[in-house]
């Protein structure tokens, strides 16, 4: 979800709610402790130099259970960030404390709340690494086990 989409979504929300991928909600007394730009300059496994930028929100929950962040307050924080950080319309990534360490999530939305989505790693140069586009299909009868052909009814597999 791009920053412009987050800002648009905030205009129609009555409350600021974030749902974790497992369906649980981030406690309603969370704080947005950071809004910023994360820039990553790197080389992938195929030798291509890459630059990535994302807008980063960091959510944090504490013992301050009376705290409630209203959508208009987050809009104000975003506006100030855009002005002071020269923030572009990048994808939004959310950091939130997982069970052991900070977890990074993608962001989507419903009509009433934001949904944190799991992020995955991936090879950025599969053509240069020799990774097939899709797992090859192999017939069991064509497999060789210790020099013998594997018959699905033989019990070898």
C-alpha atoms as a PDB file:
ATOM      1  CA  UNK A   1       0.000   0.000   0.000  1.00  0.00           C
ATOM      2  CA  UNK A   2       1.433   3.365  -1.019  1.00  0.00           C
ATOM      3  CA  UNK A   3       1.544   6.348   1.336  1.00  0.00           C
ATOM      4  CA  UNK A   4      -1.127   8.176  -0.705  1.00  0.00           C
ATOM      5  CA  UNK A   5      -3.472   5.210  -0.188  1.00  0.00           C
ATOM      6  CA  UNK A   6      -2.840   5.256   3.579  1.00  0.00           C
ATOM      7  CA  UNK A   7      -3.625   8.983   3.701  1.00  0.00           C
ATOM      8  CA  UNK A   8      -6.814   8.459   1.714  1.00  0.00           C
ATOM      9  CA  UNK A   9      -7.871   5.579   3.962  1.00  0.00           C
ATOM     10  CA  UNK A  10      -7.271   7.652   7.110  1.00  0.00           C
ATOM     11  CA  UNK A  11      -9.776  10.270   5.918  1.00  0.00           C
ATOM     12  CA  UNK A  12     -12.664   7.807   6.171  1.00  0.00           C
ATOM     13  CA  UNK A  13     -11.666   6.079   9.426  1.00  0.00           C
ATOM     14  CA  UNK A  14     -13.271   6.771  12.781  1.00  0.00           C
ATOM     15  CA  UNK A  15     -10.645   4.837  14.739  1.00  0.00           C
ATOM     16  CA  UNK A  16      -7.091   3.745  14.060  1.00  0.00           C
ATOM     17  CA  UNK A  17      -6.978  -0.055  14.117  1.00  0.00           C
ATOM     18  CA  UNK A  18      -4.191  -2.380  12.964  1.00  0.00           C
ATOM     19  CA  UNK A  19      -4.814  -6.109  12.582  1.00  0.00           C
ATOM     20  CA  UNK A  20      -1.947  -8.615  12.706  1.00  0.00           C
ATOM     21  CA  UNK A  21      -1.692 -11.412  10.108  1.00  0.00           C
ATOM     22  CA  UNK A  22      -2.986 -13.936  12.670  1.00  0.00           C
ATOM     23  CA  UNK A  23      -6.202 -11.922  13.096  1.00  0.00           C
ATOM     24  CA  UNK A  24      -5.317 -10.398  16.476  1.00  0.00           C
ATOM     25  CA  UNK A  25      -5.446  -6.639  16.827  1.00  0.00           C
ATOM     26  CA  UNK A  26      -2.553  -4.435  17.851  1.00  0.00           C
ATOM     27  CA  UNK A  27      -3.615  -3.143  21.303  1.00  0.00           C
ATOM     28  CA  UNK A  28      -5.687   0.016  20.889  1.00  0.00           C
ATOM     29  CA  UNK A  29      -3.299   1.979  23.139  1.00  0.00           C
ATOM     30  CA  UNK A  30      -0.383   1.651  20.674  1.00  0.00           C
ATOM     31  CA  UNK A  31       1.847   4.571  19.748  1.00  0.00           C
ATOM     32  CA  UNK A  32       3.305   5.356  16.340  1.00  0.00           C
ATOM     33  CA  UNK A  33       6.860   5.957  17.520  1.00  0.00           C
ATOM     34  CA  UNK A  34       8.406   6.568  14.089  1.00  0.00           C
ATOM     35  CA  UNK A  35       7.362   7.660  10.635  1.00  0.00           C
ATOM     36  CA  UNK A  36      10.277   7.785   8.252  1.00  0.00           C
ATOM     37  CA  UNK A  37      11.966   6.742   5.048  1.00  0.00           C
ATOM     38  CA  UNK A  38      14.070   3.586   4.964  1.00  0.00           C
ATOM     39  CA  UNK A  39      16.547   3.571   2.125  1.00  0.00           C
ATOM     40  CA  UNK A  40      18.371   0.411   1.073  1.00  0.00           C
ATOM     41  CA  UNK A  41      21.258   0.461  -1.419  1.00  0.00           C
ATOM     42  CA  UNK A  42      22.478  -3.040  -2.212  1.00  0.00           C
ATOM     43  CA  UNK A  43      23.692  -5.520  -4.773  1.00  0.00           C
ATOM     44  CA  UNK A  44      21.600  -8.618  -5.457  1.00  0.00           C
ATOM     45  CA  UNK A  45      22.912 -12.153  -5.961  1.00  0.00           C
ATOM     46  CA  UNK A  46      23.025 -11.576  -9.720  1.00  0.00           C
ATOM     47  CA  UNK A  47      25.288  -8.536  -9.433  1.00  0.00           C
ATOM     48  CA  UNK A  48      22.661  -5.847 -10.049  1.00  0.00           C
ATOM     49  CA  UNK A  49      22.911  -2.694  -7.928  1.00  0.00           C
ATOM     50  CA  UNK A  50      19.530  -1.772  -6.477  1.00  0.00           C
ATOM     51  CA  UNK A  51      17.975   1.082  -4.518  1.00  0.00           C
ATOM     52  CA  UNK A  52      14.782   0.721  -2.530  1.00  0.00           C
ATOM     53  CA  UNK A  53      12.901   3.244  -0.445  1.00  0.00           C
ATOM     54  CA  UNK A  54       9.884   2.600   1.757  1.00  0.00           C
ATOM     55  CA  UNK A  55       7.913   4.692   4.198  1.00  0.00           C
ATOM     56  CA  UNK A  56       8.236   3.099   7.611  1.00  0.00           C
ATOM     57  CA  UNK A  57       5.760   3.245  10.483  1.00  0.00           C
ATOM     58  CA  UNK A  58       6.868   1.811  13.800  1.00  0.00           C
ATOM     59  CA  UNK A  59       4.078   0.756  16.172  1.00  0.00           C
ATOM     60  CA  UNK A  60       4.724   0.277  19.879  1.00  0.00           C
ATOM     61  CA  UNK A  61       2.539  -0.760  22.792  1.00  0.00           C
ATOM     62  CA  UNK A  62       3.322  -0.024  26.411  1.00  0.00           C
ATOM     63  CA  UNK A  63       1.622   0.197  29.781  1.00  0.00           C
ATOM     64  CA  UNK A  64      -0.038   3.501  28.842  1.00  0.00           C
ATOM     65  CA  UNK A  65      -3.460   1.903  28.283  1.00  0.00           C
ATOM     66  CA  UNK A  66      -5.272   5.259  28.212  1.00  0.00           C
ATOM     67  CA  UNK A  67      -3.441   6.325  25.037  1.00  0.00           C
ATOM     68  CA  UNK A  68      -5.493   6.366  21.824  1.00  0.00           C
ATOM     69  CA  UNK A  69      -4.173   7.647  18.515  1.00  0.00           C
ATOM     70  CA  UNK A  70      -6.881   9.134  16.307  1.00  0.00           C
ATOM     71  CA  UNK A  71      -6.631   8.903  12.494  1.00  0.00           C
ATOM     72  CA  UNK A  72      -6.342  12.700  12.197  1.00  0.00           C
ATOM     73  CA  UNK A  73      -3.305  12.683  14.505  1.00  0.00           C
ATOM     74  CA  UNK A  74      -1.566  10.120  12.291  1.00  0.00           C
ATOM     75  CA  UNK A  75      -2.469  12.287   9.274  1.00  0.00           C
ATOM     76  CA  UNK A  76      -0.744  15.227  11.013  1.00  0.00           C
ATOM     77  CA  UNK A  77       2.354  13.133  11.747  1.00  0.00           C
ATOM     78  CA  UNK A  78       2.495  11.984   8.105  1.00  0.00           C
ATOM     79  CA  UNK A  79       2.086  15.570   6.831  1.00  0.00           C
ATOM     80  CA  UNK A  80       4.944  16.768   9.021  1.00  0.00           C
ATOM     81  CA  UNK A  81       7.095  13.821   7.893  1.00  0.00           C
ATOM     82  CA  UNK A  82       6.405  14.568   4.226  1.00  0.00           C
ATOM     83  CA  UNK A  83       7.398  18.192   4.727  1.00  0.00           C
ATOM     84  CA  UNK A  84      10.523  17.676   6.858  1.00  0.00           C
ATOM     85  CA  UNK A  85      11.823  14.449   5.283  1.00  0.00           C
ATOM     86  CA  UNK A  86      10.891  15.159   1.656  1.00  0.00           C
ATOM     87  CA  UNK A  87       8.972  11.893   1.740  1.00  0.00           C
ATOM     88  CA  UNK A  88       7.791  10.401  -1.549  1.00  0.00           C
ATOM     89  CA  UNK A  89       4.801   8.229  -2.308  1.00  0.00           C
ATOM     90  CA  UNK A  90       6.560   4.958  -1.471  1.00  0.00           C
ATOM     91  CA  UNK A  91       5.191   1.635  -0.271  1.00  0.00           C
ATOM     92  CA  UNK A  92       4.464   1.607   3.461  1.00  0.00           C
ATOM     93  CA  UNK A  93       6.108  -0.954   5.696  1.00  0.00           C
ATOM     94  CA  UNK A  94       5.176  -1.397   9.353  1.00  0.00           C
ATOM     95  CA  UNK A  95       7.477  -2.485  12.175  1.00  0.00           C
ATOM     96  CA  UNK A  96       5.926  -4.042  15.249  1.00  0.00           C
ATOM     97  CA  UNK A  97       7.347  -5.998  18.160  1.00  0.00           C
ATOM     98  CA  UNK A  98       6.969  -9.719  17.543  1.00  0.00           C
ATOM     99  CA  UNK A  99       7.473 -12.400  20.190  1.00  0.00           C
ATOM    100  CA  UNK A 100      11.268 -12.278  19.927  1.00  0.00           C
ATOM    101  CA  UNK A 101      12.281  -9.333  17.766  1.00  0.00           C
ATOM    102  CA  UNK A 102      10.925  -6.525  15.613  1.00  0.00           C
ATOM    103  CA  UNK A 103       8.850  -7.870  12.732  1.00  0.00           C
ATOM    104  CA  UNK A 104       8.339  -6.100   9.407  1.00  0.00           C
ATOM    105  CA  UNK A 105       4.982  -6.202   7.664  1.00  0.00           C
ATOM    106  CA  UNK A 106       3.402  -4.994   4.470  1.00  0.00           C
ATOM    107  CA  UNK A 107       0.187  -3.022   4.754  1.00  0.00           C
ATOM    108  CA  UNK A 108      -3.283  -3.395   3.264  1.00  0.00           C
ATOM    109  CA  UNK A 109      -6.642  -2.057   4.392  1.00  0.00           C
ATOM    110  CA  UNK A 110     -10.305  -2.853   4.728  1.00  0.00           C
ATOM    111  CA  UNK A 111     -13.047  -0.222   4.988  1.00  0.00           C
ATOM    112  CA  UNK A 112     -12.552  -0.015   8.759  1.00  0.00           C
ATOM    113  CA  UNK A 113      -8.943  -0.877   9.581  1.00  0.00           C
ATOM    114  CA  UNK A 114      -5.408  -1.557   8.405  1.00  0.00           C
ATOM    115  CA  UNK A 115      -4.122  -5.105   8.027  1.00  0.00           C
ATOM    116  CA  UNK A 116      -0.479  -6.025   8.522  1.00  0.00           C
ATOM    117  CA  UNK A 117       0.635  -8.611   5.972  1.00  0.00           C
ATOM    118  CA  UNK A 118       3.560 -11.009   6.227  1.00  0.00           C
ATOM    119  CA  UNK A 119       6.588 -10.232   4.095  1.00  0.00           C
ATOM    120  CA  UNK A 120       8.757 -12.867   2.439  1.00  0.00           C
ATOM    121  CA  UNK A 121      12.300 -12.939   1.118  1.00  0.00           C
ATOM    122  CA  UNK A 122      12.904 -13.791  -2.526  1.00  0.00           C
ATOM    123  CA  UNK A 123      15.726 -14.183  -5.022  1.00  0.00           C
ATOM    124  CA  UNK A 124      15.863 -11.019  -7.139  1.00  0.00           C
ATOM    125  CA  UNK A 125      17.930 -12.601  -9.922  1.00  0.00           C
ATOM    126  CA  UNK A 126      16.553 -16.126 -10.478  1.00  0.00           C
ATOM    127  CA  UNK A 127      17.623 -16.046 -14.129  1.00  0.00           C
ATOM    128  CA  UNK A 128      21.264 -15.504 -13.107  1.00  0.00           C
ATOM    129  CA  UNK A 129      21.180 -17.967 -10.205  1.00  0.00           C
ATOM    130  CA  UNK A 130      19.761 -20.850 -12.223  1.00  0.00           C
ATOM    131  CA  UNK A 131      16.586 -21.070 -10.174  1.00  0.00           C
ATOM    132  CA  UNK A 132      13.749 -22.582 -12.224  1.00  0.00           C
ATOM    133  CA  UNK A 133      10.624 -20.488 -12.592  1.00  0.00           C
ATOM    134  CA  UNK A 134       8.596 -23.369 -11.261  1.00  0.00           C
ATOM    135  CA  UNK A 135       9.374 -26.635  -9.520  1.00  0.00           C
ATOM    136  CA  UNK A 136       9.888 -29.360 -12.132  1.00  0.00           C
ATOM    137  CA  UNK A 137       7.298 -32.153 -12.141  1.00  0.00           C
ATOM    138  CA  UNK A 138       8.789 -35.633 -11.948  1.00  0.00           C
ATOM    139  CA  UNK A 139       6.933 -38.911 -12.380  1.00  0.00           C
ATOM    140  CA  UNK A 140       7.653 -41.391  -9.596  1.00  0.00           C
ATOM    141  CA  UNK A 141       8.162 -44.205 -12.103  1.00  0.00           C
ATOM    142  CA  UNK A 142      11.017 -42.195 -13.677  1.00  0.00           C
ATOM    143  CA  UNK A 143      12.949 -41.821 -10.400  1.00  0.00           C
ATOM    144  CA  UNK A 144      16.024 -43.950  -9.817  1.00  0.00           C
ATOM    145  CA  UNK A 145      16.545 -45.203  -6.245  1.00  0.00           C
ATOM    146  CA  UNK A 146      19.902 -46.878  -5.610  1.00  0.00           C
ATOM    147  CA  UNK A 147      20.162 -47.896  -9.250  1.00  0.00           C
ATOM    148  CA  UNK A 148      16.604 -49.268  -9.416  1.00  0.00           C
ATOM    149  CA  UNK A 149      13.528 -47.750 -10.930  1.00  0.00           C
ATOM    150  CA  UNK A 150      10.972 -46.588  -8.347  1.00  0.00           C
ATOM    151  CA  UNK A 151       7.537 -48.078  -8.736  1.00  0.00           C
ATOM    152  CA  UNK A 152       4.840 -46.258  -6.718  1.00  0.00           C
ATOM    153  CA  UNK A 153       3.606 -49.647  -5.496  1.00  0.00           C
ATOM    154  CA  UNK A 154       7.078 -50.919  -4.474  1.00  0.00           C
ATOM    155  CA  UNK A 155       7.157 -49.224  -1.074  1.00  0.00           C
ATOM    156  CA  UNK A 156      10.442 -47.431  -1.894  1.00  0.00           C
ATOM    157  CA  UNK A 157       8.876 -43.988  -1.832  1.00  0.00           C
END
